[in-house]
Amino acid sequence: MKSIVILSTGILLWLSGCSRTGTTTPPPASDSGIFVTGECLRKVIQDRAAVSVSSTLVLATPKEASEKVITEHEALKGKVKELALKDFESETLNYSVNEERQYENKKWVIKGFRATMTTRFETSELARIGEVIAQASQHGAQNVGALETFVSPAKLKAERESCLETATQDAASKAAKIAAGGGVKVGEILSITENEGGSRYSVSKFGGREMMMAGAAADMGESPKAPVVESRPVDLVVNVRARFSVRQ
């Protein structure tokens, strides 16, 4: 009964206010209006490619293995840099020296020390990343893999911001259709928020198995041909949540 009295008092106060102002339109509720989700789906051309190249060998001592693999890998890196790739970047991913053992006659036998060095090469020239693979295979790389093509952060940011405008227009279109179905008209936009949890874009990655085959060609004395690396557009999806007012 107490809650009913409080509610009745509130209605009387509102009616009293209406009599003074001459209006009978109730104040808008905070949760009123038309709620919609706008979406933008776009195909984005990938503008970056990267591949990882490893040099590894086993020698009698850690010093010999380390010095030899560094010398060979630096020579390989020099050959890749000579390609003068556009927007070229390189990054050392791994360097290690470990004891190499084999199990023989029911015991472990030390065979030497394995040194490994891995570098990741990246460029904006997707069509030429195959040249990096060919150079690596021709100049002693034992493993070439982790090939990937992707959209650079700068391009992705620009595409996302452009897509936000499209998503907002989609939200307005949906709101208009909902209003028409209800026999009313859509009013002004009251709020709009980017739904970051619903935004996404895909990444293309390739396995390293085929690239290891290219490395094996160097051991056979062959001059491997640069493989053709192609990429497909990736899907960028951006969502917004919007609330519109309603007009009679």
C-alpha atoms as a PDB file:
ATOM      1  CA  MET A   1       0.000   0.000   0.000  1.00  0.00           C
ATOM      2  CA  LYS A   2       2.876   2.345   0.763  1.00  0.00           C
ATOM      3  CA  SER A   3       4.314   1.957  -2.761  1.00  0.00           C
ATOM      4  CA  ILE A   4       0.891   2.768  -4.271  1.00  0.00           C
ATOM      5  CA  VAL A   5       0.655   5.992  -2.254  1.00  0.00           C
ATOM      6  CA  ILE A   6       4.136   7.047  -3.383  1.00  0.00           C
ATOM      7  CA  LEU A   7       3.267   6.331  -7.028  1.00  0.00           C
ATOM      8  CA  SER A   8      -0.004   8.257  -6.750  1.00  0.00           C
ATOM      9  CA  THR A   9       1.779  11.206  -5.201  1.00  0.00           C
ATOM     10  CA  GLY A  10       4.243  11.216  -8.085  1.00  0.00           C
ATOM     11  CA  ILE A  11       1.415  11.260 -10.638  1.00  0.00           C
ATOM     12  CA  LEU A  12      -0.311  14.122  -8.820  1.00  0.00           C
ATOM     13  CA  LEU A  13       2.895  16.142  -8.755  1.00  0.00           C
ATOM     14  CA  TRP A  14       3.365  15.552 -12.509  1.00  0.00           C
ATOM     15  CA  LEU A  15      -0.282  16.565 -13.227  1.00  0.00           C
ATOM     16  CA  SER A  16       0.190  19.664 -11.071  1.00  0.00           C
ATOM     17  CA  GLY A  17       3.252  20.581 -13.095  1.00  0.00           C
ATOM     18  CA  CYS A  18       1.344  20.051 -16.338  1.00  0.00           C
ATOM     19  CA  SER A  19      -1.432  22.409 -15.221  1.00  0.00           C
ATOM     20  CA  ARG A  20       1.120  25.139 -14.607  1.00  0.00           C
ATOM     21  CA  THR A  21       2.990  24.669 -17.889  1.00  0.00           C
ATOM     22  CA  GLY A  22      -0.005  23.884 -20.035  1.00  0.00           C
ATOM     23  CA  THR A  23       1.431  20.622 -21.409  1.00  0.00           C
ATOM     24  CA  THR A  24       0.334  17.027 -21.083  1.00  0.00           C
ATOM     25  CA  THR A  25       3.431  15.392 -22.648  1.00  0.00           C
ATOM     26  CA  PRO A  26       5.199  13.140 -20.116  1.00  0.00           C
ATOM     27  CA  PRO A  27       8.961  13.495 -19.672  1.00  0.00           C
ATOM     28  CA  PRO A  28      10.929  11.057 -21.868  1.00  0.00           C
ATOM     29  CA  ALA A  29      12.061   7.885 -20.142  1.00  0.00           C
ATOM     30  CA  SER A  30      15.756   7.115 -20.192  1.00  0.00           C
ATOM     31  CA  ASP A  31      15.109   3.733 -21.774  1.00  0.00           C
ATOM     32  CA  SER A  32      12.606   4.871 -24.418  1.00  0.00           C
ATOM     33  CA  GLY A  33      13.199   5.084 -28.150  1.00  0.00           C
ATOM     34  CA  ILE A  34      14.342   2.744 -30.888  1.00  0.00           C
ATOM     35  CA  PHE A  35      17.445   0.664 -30.197  1.00  0.00           C
ATOM     36  CA  VAL A  36      19.360  -0.717 -33.194  1.00  0.00           C
ATOM     37  CA  THR A  37      22.738  -2.143 -34.146  1.00  0.00           C
ATOM     38  CA  GLY A  38      24.414  -0.834 -37.280  1.00  0.00           C
ATOM     39  CA  GLU A  39      26.980  -2.902 -39.122  1.00  0.00           C
ATOM     40  CA  CYS A  40      29.651  -2.320 -41.727  1.00  0.00           C
ATOM     41  CA  LEU A  41      31.200  -5.274 -43.566  1.00  0.00           C
ATOM     42  CA  ARG A  42      34.131  -4.426 -45.816  1.00  0.00           C
ATOM     43  CA  LYS A  43      36.791  -6.274 -47.794  1.00  0.00           C
ATOM     44  CA  VAL A  44      40.222  -4.836 -46.997  1.00  0.00           C
ATOM     45  CA  ILE A  45      43.237  -5.435 -49.221  1.00  0.00           C
ATOM     46  CA  GLN A  46      46.219  -6.698 -47.224  1.00  0.00           C
ATOM     47  CA  ASP A  47      49.281  -4.479 -47.475  1.00  0.00           C
ATOM     48  CA  ARG A  48      51.981  -6.306 -45.470  1.00  0.00           C
ATOM     49  CA  ALA A  49      53.731  -9.685 -45.667  1.00  0.00           C
ATOM     50  CA  ALA A  50      56.276 -11.376 -43.415  1.00  0.00           C
ATOM     51  CA  VAL A  51      58.293 -14.576 -43.255  1.00  0.00           C
ATOM     52  CA  SER A  52      60.683 -16.054 -40.671  1.00  0.00           C
ATOM     53  CA  VAL A  53      64.030 -17.548 -41.670  1.00  0.00           C
ATOM     54  CA  SER A  54      66.220 -19.768 -39.478  1.00  0.00           C
ATOM     55  CA  SER A  55      69.856 -20.805 -39.773  1.00  0.00           C
ATOM     56  CA  THR A  56      70.975 -23.758 -37.664  1.00  0.00           C
ATOM     57  CA  LEU A  57      73.973 -26.104 -37.480  1.00  0.00           C
ATOM     58  CA  VAL A  58      75.785 -28.480 -35.132  1.00  0.00           C
ATOM     59  CA  LEU A  59      79.517 -28.206 -34.359  1.00  0.00           C
ATOM     60  CA  ALA A  60      81.865 -29.624 -31.748  1.00  0.00           C
ATOM     61  CA  THR A  61      81.915 -26.662 -29.343  1.00  0.00           C
ATOM     62  CA  PRO A  62      79.435 -23.914 -28.404  1.00  0.00           C
ATOM     63  CA  LYS A  63      81.898 -21.244 -29.590  1.00  0.00           C
ATOM     64  CA  GLU A  64      82.348 -22.810 -33.019  1.00  0.00           C
ATOM     65  CA  ALA A  65      78.613 -23.354 -33.494  1.00  0.00           C
ATOM     66  CA  SER A  66      77.749 -19.837 -32.353  1.00  0.00           C
ATOM     67  CA  GLU A  67      80.334 -18.055 -34.507  1.00  0.00           C
ATOM     68  CA  LYS A  68      79.520 -20.118 -37.596  1.00  0.00           C
ATOM     69  CA  VAL A  69      75.746 -19.686 -37.433  1.00  0.00           C
ATOM     70  CA  ILE A  70      76.066 -15.935 -36.798  1.00  0.00           C
ATOM     71  CA  THR A  71      78.380 -15.530 -39.791  1.00  0.00           C
ATOM     72  CA  GLU A  72      76.098 -17.501 -42.108  1.00  0.00           C
ATOM     73  CA  HIS A  73      72.918 -15.843 -40.898  1.00  0.00           C
ATOM     74  CA  GLU A  74      74.331 -12.323 -41.181  1.00  0.00           C
ATOM     75  CA  ALA A  75      75.385 -13.107 -44.762  1.00  0.00           C
ATOM     76  CA  LEU A  76      71.866 -14.301 -45.493  1.00  0.00           C
ATOM     77  CA  LYS A  77      70.388 -11.145 -43.984  1.00  0.00           C
ATOM     78  CA  GLY A  78      72.694  -9.086 -46.195  1.00  0.00           C
ATOM     79  CA  LYS A  79      71.361 -10.839 -49.299  1.00  0.00           C
ATOM     80  CA  VAL A  80      67.779 -10.137 -48.244  1.00  0.00           C
ATOM     81  CA  LYS A  81      68.552  -6.459 -47.639  1.00  0.00           C
ATOM     82  CA  GLU A  82      70.056  -6.240 -51.129  1.00  0.00           C
ATOM     83  CA  LEU A  83      66.568  -6.912 -52.492  1.00  0.00           C
ATOM     84  CA  ALA A  84      65.728  -3.326 -51.446  1.00  0.00           C
ATOM     85  CA  LEU A  85      62.177  -4.202 -50.500  1.00  0.00           C
ATOM     86  CA  LYS A  86      59.763  -1.344 -49.876  1.00  0.00           C
ATOM     87  CA  ASP A  87      58.989  -0.513 -46.227  1.00  0.00           C
ATOM     88  CA  PHE A  88      61.391  -3.281 -45.182  1.00  0.00           C
ATOM     89  CA  GLU A  89      61.752  -4.302 -41.548  1.00  0.00           C
ATOM     90  CA  SER A  90      63.653  -7.121 -39.877  1.00  0.00           C
ATOM     91  CA  GLU A  91      63.562  -8.481 -36.341  1.00  0.00           C
ATOM     92  CA  THR A  92      65.625 -11.131 -34.539  1.00  0.00           C
ATOM     93  CA  LEU A  93      63.201 -13.677 -33.125  1.00  0.00           C
ATOM     94  CA  ASN A  94      65.529 -16.273 -31.672  1.00  0.00           C
ATOM     95  CA  TYR A  95      69.145 -17.058 -30.914  1.00  0.00           C
ATOM     96  CA  SER A  96      70.118 -20.196 -28.987  1.00  0.00           C
ATOM     97  CA  VAL A  97      72.954 -22.654 -28.441  1.00  0.00           C
ATOM     98  CA  ASN A  98      72.013 -26.056 -27.018  1.00  0.00           C
ATOM     99  CA  GLU A  99      73.708 -29.364 -26.439  1.00  0.00           C
ATOM    100  CA  GLU A 100      72.860 -31.878 -29.167  1.00  0.00           C
ATOM    101  CA  ARG A 101      72.334 -35.460 -27.938  1.00  0.00           C
ATOM    102  CA  GLN A 102      71.332 -38.788 -29.447  1.00  0.00           C
ATOM    103  CA  TYR A 103      70.219 -41.946 -27.689  1.00  0.00           C
ATOM    104  CA  GLU A 104      72.593 -44.762 -28.650  1.00  0.00           C
ATOM    105  CA  ASN A 105      73.146 -48.150 -27.017  1.00  0.00           C
ATOM    106  CA  LYS A 106      70.827 -47.360 -24.141  1.00  0.00           C
ATOM    107  CA  LYS A 107      72.528 -44.096 -23.271  1.00  0.00           C
ATOM    108  CA  TRP A 108      72.632 -40.466 -24.342  1.00  0.00           C
ATOM    109  CA  VAL A 109      75.648 -39.466 -26.428  1.00  0.00           C
ATOM    110  CA  ILE A 110      76.703 -35.840 -26.924  1.00  0.00           C
ATOM    111  CA  LYS A 111      77.058 -35.104 -30.650  1.00  0.00           C
ATOM    112  CA  GLY A 112      77.990 -31.459 -30.385  1.00  0.00           C
ATOM    113  CA  PHE A 113      76.219 -28.139 -29.920  1.00  0.00           C
ATOM    114  CA  ARG A 114      73.397 -26.778 -32.042  1.00  0.00           C
ATOM    115  CA  ALA A 115      73.252 -23.033 -32.668  1.00  0.00           C
ATOM    116  CA  THR A 116      70.120 -21.489 -34.147  1.00  0.00           C
ATOM    117  CA  MET A 117      69.315 -17.956 -35.228  1.00  0.00           C
ATOM    118  CA  THR A 118      65.950 -16.782 -36.580  1.00  0.00           C
ATOM    119  CA  THR A 119      65.013 -13.484 -38.220  1.00  0.00           C
ATOM    120  CA  ARG A 120      61.617 -12.224 -39.288  1.00  0.00           C
ATOM    121  CA  PHE A 121      61.509 -10.170 -42.497  1.00  0.00           C
ATOM    122  CA  GLU A 122      58.565  -7.894 -43.283  1.00  0.00           C
ATOM    123  CA  THR A 123      57.681  -5.732 -46.287  1.00  0.00           C
ATOM    124  CA  SER A 124      54.768  -3.935 -47.914  1.00  0.00           C
ATOM    125  CA  GLU A 125      55.584  -5.608 -51.248  1.00  0.00           C
ATOM    126  CA  LEU A 126      53.508  -8.758 -50.884  1.00  0.00           C
ATOM    127  CA  ALA A 127      54.320  -9.939 -54.382  1.00  0.00           C
ATOM    128  CA  ARG A 128      58.055  -9.967 -53.588  1.00  0.00           C
ATOM    129  CA  ILE A 129      58.044 -11.854 -50.294  1.00  0.00           C
ATOM    130  CA  GLY A 130      58.754 -14.956 -52.377  1.00  0.00           C
ATOM    131  CA  GLU A 131      62.141 -13.444 -53.247  1.00  0.00           C
ATOM    132  CA  VAL A 132      63.045 -13.497 -49.555  1.00  0.00           C
ATOM    133  CA  ILE A 133      62.145 -17.181 -49.445  1.00  0.00           C
ATOM    134  CA  ALA A 134      64.286 -17.889 -52.514  1.00  0.00           C
ATOM    135  CA  GLN A 135      67.288 -16.046 -51.067  1.00  0.00           C
ATOM    136  CA  ALA A 136      66.937 -17.875 -47.772  1.00  0.00           C
ATOM    137  CA  SER A 137      66.773 -21.261 -49.486  1.00  0.00           C
ATOM    138  CA  GLN A 138      69.741 -20.441 -51.704  1.00  0.00           C
ATOM    139  CA  HIS A 139      71.987 -19.166 -48.920  1.00  0.00           C
ATOM    140  CA  GLY A 140      71.887 -21.856 -46.297  1.00  0.00           C
ATOM    141  CA  ALA A 141      68.640 -21.390 -44.374  1.00  0.00           C
ATOM    142  CA  GLN A 142      67.461 -24.668 -42.890  1.00  0.00           C
ATOM    143  CA  ASN A 143      63.927 -23.519 -42.111  1.00  0.00           C
ATOM    144  CA  VAL A 144      61.697 -20.930 -43.768  1.00  0.00           C
ATOM    145  CA  GLY A 145      58.196 -20.570 -42.366  1.00  0.00           C
ATOM    146  CA  ALA A 146      55.635 -18.541 -40.429  1.00  0.00           C
ATOM    147  CA  LEU A 147      54.587 -16.874 -43.666  1.00  0.00           C
ATOM    148  CA  GLU A 148      51.749 -14.413 -43.167  1.00  0.00           C
ATOM    149  CA  THR A 149      50.010 -11.559 -44.948  1.00  0.00           C
ATOM    150  CA  PHE A 150      48.055  -8.957 -43.030  1.00  0.00           C
ATOM    151  CA  VAL A 151      46.752  -5.399 -42.862  1.00  0.00           C
ATOM    152  CA  SER A 152      49.068  -2.802 -41.358  1.00  0.00           C
ATOM    153  CA  PRO A 153      47.855  -1.022 -38.185  1.00  0.00           C
ATOM    154  CA  ALA A 154      47.750   2.357 -39.963  1.00  0.00           C
ATOM    155  CA  LYS A 155      45.569   1.052 -42.800  1.00  0.00           C
ATOM    156  CA  LEU A 156      43.355  -0.904 -40.409  1.00  0.00           C
ATOM    157  CA  LYS A 157      42.745   2.236 -38.315  1.00  0.00           C
ATOM    158  CA  ALA A 158      41.779   4.264 -41.397  1.00  0.00           C
ATOM    159  CA  GLU A 159      39.459   1.532 -42.651  1.00  0.00           C
ATOM    160  CA  ARG A 160      37.800   1.142 -39.244  1.00  0.00           C
ATOM    161  CA  GLU A 161      37.124   4.872 -38.943  1.00  0.00           C
ATOM    162  CA  SER A 162      35.649   4.961 -42.441  1.00  0.00           C
ATOM    163  CA  CYS A 163      33.547   1.903 -41.633  1.00  0.00           C
ATOM    164  CA  LEU A 164      32.108   3.599 -38.539  1.00  0.00           C
ATOM    165  CA  GLU A 165      30.336   6.119 -40.761  1.00  0.00           C
ATOM    166  CA  THR A 166      28.818   3.312 -42.831  1.00  0.00           C
ATOM    167  CA  ALA A 167      27.727   1.456 -39.688  1.00  0.00           C
ATOM    168  CA  THR A 168      26.015   4.602 -38.371  1.00  0.00           C
ATOM    169  CA  GLN A 169      24.130   5.036 -41.646  1.00  0.00           C
ATOM    170  CA  ASP A 170      23.071   1.390 -41.444  1.00  0.00           C
ATOM    171  CA  ALA A 171      21.751   1.964 -37.922  1.00  0.00           C
ATOM    172  CA  ALA A 172      19.717   4.983 -39.090  1.00  0.00           C
ATOM    173  CA  SER A 173      18.258   2.953 -41.969  1.00  0.00           C
ATOM    174  CA  LYS A 174      17.218   0.137 -39.632  1.00  0.00           C
ATOM    175  CA  ALA A 175      15.664   2.591 -37.175  1.00  0.00           C
ATOM    176  CA  ALA A 176      13.595   4.156 -39.986  1.00  0.00           C
ATOM    177  CA  LYS A 177      12.278   0.749 -41.038  1.00  0.00           C
ATOM    178  CA  ILE A 178      11.397  -0.198 -37.461  1.00  0.00           C
ATOM    179  CA  ALA A 179       9.582   3.106 -36.976  1.00  0.00           C
ATOM    180  CA  ALA A 180       7.654   2.676 -40.237  1.00  0.00           C
ATOM    181  CA  GLY A 181       6.595  -0.805 -39.166  1.00  0.00           C
ATOM    182  CA  GLY A 182       5.248   0.622 -35.912  1.00  0.00           C
ATOM    183  CA  GLY A 183       3.345   3.453 -37.600  1.00  0.00           C
ATOM    184  CA  VAL A 184       5.590   6.183 -36.234  1.00  0.00           C
ATOM    185  CA  LYS A 185       8.521   8.234 -37.463  1.00  0.00           C
ATOM    186  CA  VAL A 186      12.113   8.020 -36.357  1.00  0.00           C
ATOM    187  CA  GLY A 187      13.393  11.109 -34.609  1.00  0.00           C
ATOM    188  CA  GLU A 188      16.867  12.367 -33.767  1.00  0.00           C
ATOM    189  CA  ILE A 189      19.700  10.168 -32.660  1.00  0.00           C
ATOM    190  CA  LEU A 190      19.977  10.149 -28.868  1.00  0.00           C
ATOM    191  CA  SER A 191      23.124   8.081 -28.401  1.00  0.00           C
ATOM    192  CA  ILE A 192      25.551   5.987 -30.397  1.00  0.00           C
ATOM    193  CA  THR A 193      28.424   3.777 -29.252  1.00  0.00           C
ATOM    194  CA  GLU A 194      30.991   1.724 -31.100  1.00  0.00           C
ATOM    195  CA  ASN A 195      30.550  -1.923 -30.201  1.00  0.00           C
ATOM    196  CA  GLU A 196      34.220  -2.857 -29.972  1.00  0.00           C
ATOM    197  CA  GLY A 197      33.421  -6.393 -28.862  1.00  0.00           C
ATOM    198  CA  GLY A 198      31.586  -6.978 -32.132  1.00  0.00           C
ATOM    199  CA  SER A 199      34.294  -5.522 -34.357  1.00  0.00           C
ATOM    200  CA  ARG A 200      36.796  -7.873 -35.907  1.00  0.00           C
ATOM    201  CA  TYR A 201      38.957  -8.585 -38.914  1.00  0.00           C
ATOM    202  CA  SER A 202      40.525 -11.777 -40.171  1.00  0.00           C
ATOM    203  CA  VAL A 203      44.221 -12.565 -40.691  1.00  0.00           C
ATOM    204  CA  SER A 204      45.663 -14.828 -43.369  1.00  0.00           C
ATOM    205  CA  LYS A 205      48.443 -17.193 -42.283  1.00  0.00           C
ATOM    206  CA  PHE A 206      50.206 -19.967 -44.137  1.00  0.00           C
ATOM    207  CA  GLY A 207      51.875 -23.064 -42.749  1.00  0.00           C
ATOM    208  CA  GLY A 208      55.646 -23.566 -42.831  1.00  0.00           C
ATOM    209  CA  ARG A 209      55.687 -27.026 -44.407  1.00  0.00           C
ATOM    210  CA  GLU A 210      55.972 -25.845 -48.029  1.00  0.00           C
ATOM    211  CA  MET A 211      58.674 -23.377 -47.058  1.00  0.00           C
ATOM    212  CA  MET A 212      60.781 -26.117 -45.465  1.00  0.00           C
ATOM    213  CA  MET A 213      60.666 -27.959 -48.795  1.00  0.00           C
ATOM    214  CA  ALA A 214      62.146 -24.874 -50.403  1.00  0.00           C
ATOM    215  CA  GLY A 215      64.989 -24.963 -47.912  1.00  0.00           C
ATOM    216  CA  ALA A 216      65.666 -28.596 -48.770  1.00  0.00           C
ATOM    217  CA  ALA A 217      66.247 -27.617 -52.399  1.00  0.00           C
ATOM    218  CA  ALA A 218      69.409 -25.765 -51.414  1.00  0.00           C
ATOM    219  CA  ASP A 219      70.865 -28.972 -49.967  1.00  0.00           C
ATOM    220  CA  MET A 220      70.406 -30.647 -53.340  1.00  0.00           C
ATOM    221  CA  GLY A 221      72.429 -28.000 -55.106  1.00  0.00           C
ATOM    222  CA  GLU A 222      69.395 -26.507 -56.853  1.00  0.00           C
ATOM    223  CA  SER A 223      68.623 -22.826 -57.322  1.00  0.00           C
ATOM    224  CA  PRO A 224      65.049 -22.551 -56.059  1.00  0.00           C
ATOM    225  CA  LYS A 225      62.573 -20.378 -57.898  1.00  0.00           C
ATOM    226  CA  ALA A 226      60.873 -17.649 -55.893  1.00  0.00           C
ATOM    227  CA  PRO A 227      57.392 -18.904 -54.986  1.00  0.00           C
ATOM    228  CA  VAL A 228      54.394 -16.776 -55.885  1.00  0.00           C
ATOM    229  CA  VAL A 229      52.665 -15.596 -52.713  1.00  0.00           C
ATOM    230  CA  GLU A 230      49.115 -14.370 -53.153  1.00  0.00           C
ATOM    231  CA  SER A 231      46.783 -12.828 -50.605  1.00  0.00           C
ATOM    232  CA  ARG A 232      43.047 -12.372 -50.506  1.00  0.00           C
ATOM    233  CA  PRO A 233      41.110  -9.426 -49.056  1.00  0.00           C
ATOM    234  CA  VAL A 234      40.216  -9.878 -45.405  1.00  0.00           C
ATOM    235  CA  ASP A 235      36.847  -9.202 -43.793  1.00  0.00           C
ATOM    236  CA  LEU A 236      36.551  -6.143 -41.572  1.00  0.00           C
ATOM    237  CA  VAL A 237      33.366  -5.961 -39.478  1.00  0.00           C
ATOM    238  CA  VAL A 238      32.491  -2.890 -37.408  1.00  0.00           C
ATOM    239  CA  ASN A 239      29.345  -2.553 -35.261  1.00  0.00           C
ATOM    240  CA  VAL A 240      27.700   0.407 -33.530  1.00  0.00           C
ATOM    241  CA  ARG A 241      24.805   0.534 -31.071  1.00  0.00           C
ATOM    242  CA  ALA A 242      22.418   3.467 -31.431  1.00  0.00           C
ATOM    243  CA  ARG A 243      19.229   4.852 -29.849  1.00  0.00           C
ATOM    244  CA  PHE A 244      16.794   7.079 -31.758  1.00  0.00           C
ATOM    245  CA  SER A 245      13.827   9.050 -30.532  1.00  0.00           C
ATOM    246  CA  VAL A 246      10.305   8.443 -31.876  1.00  0.00           C
ATOM    247  CA  ARG A 247       7.941  11.025 -33.414  1.00  0.00           C
ATOM    248  CA  GLN A 248       4.244  10.582 -34.031  1.00  0.00           C
END
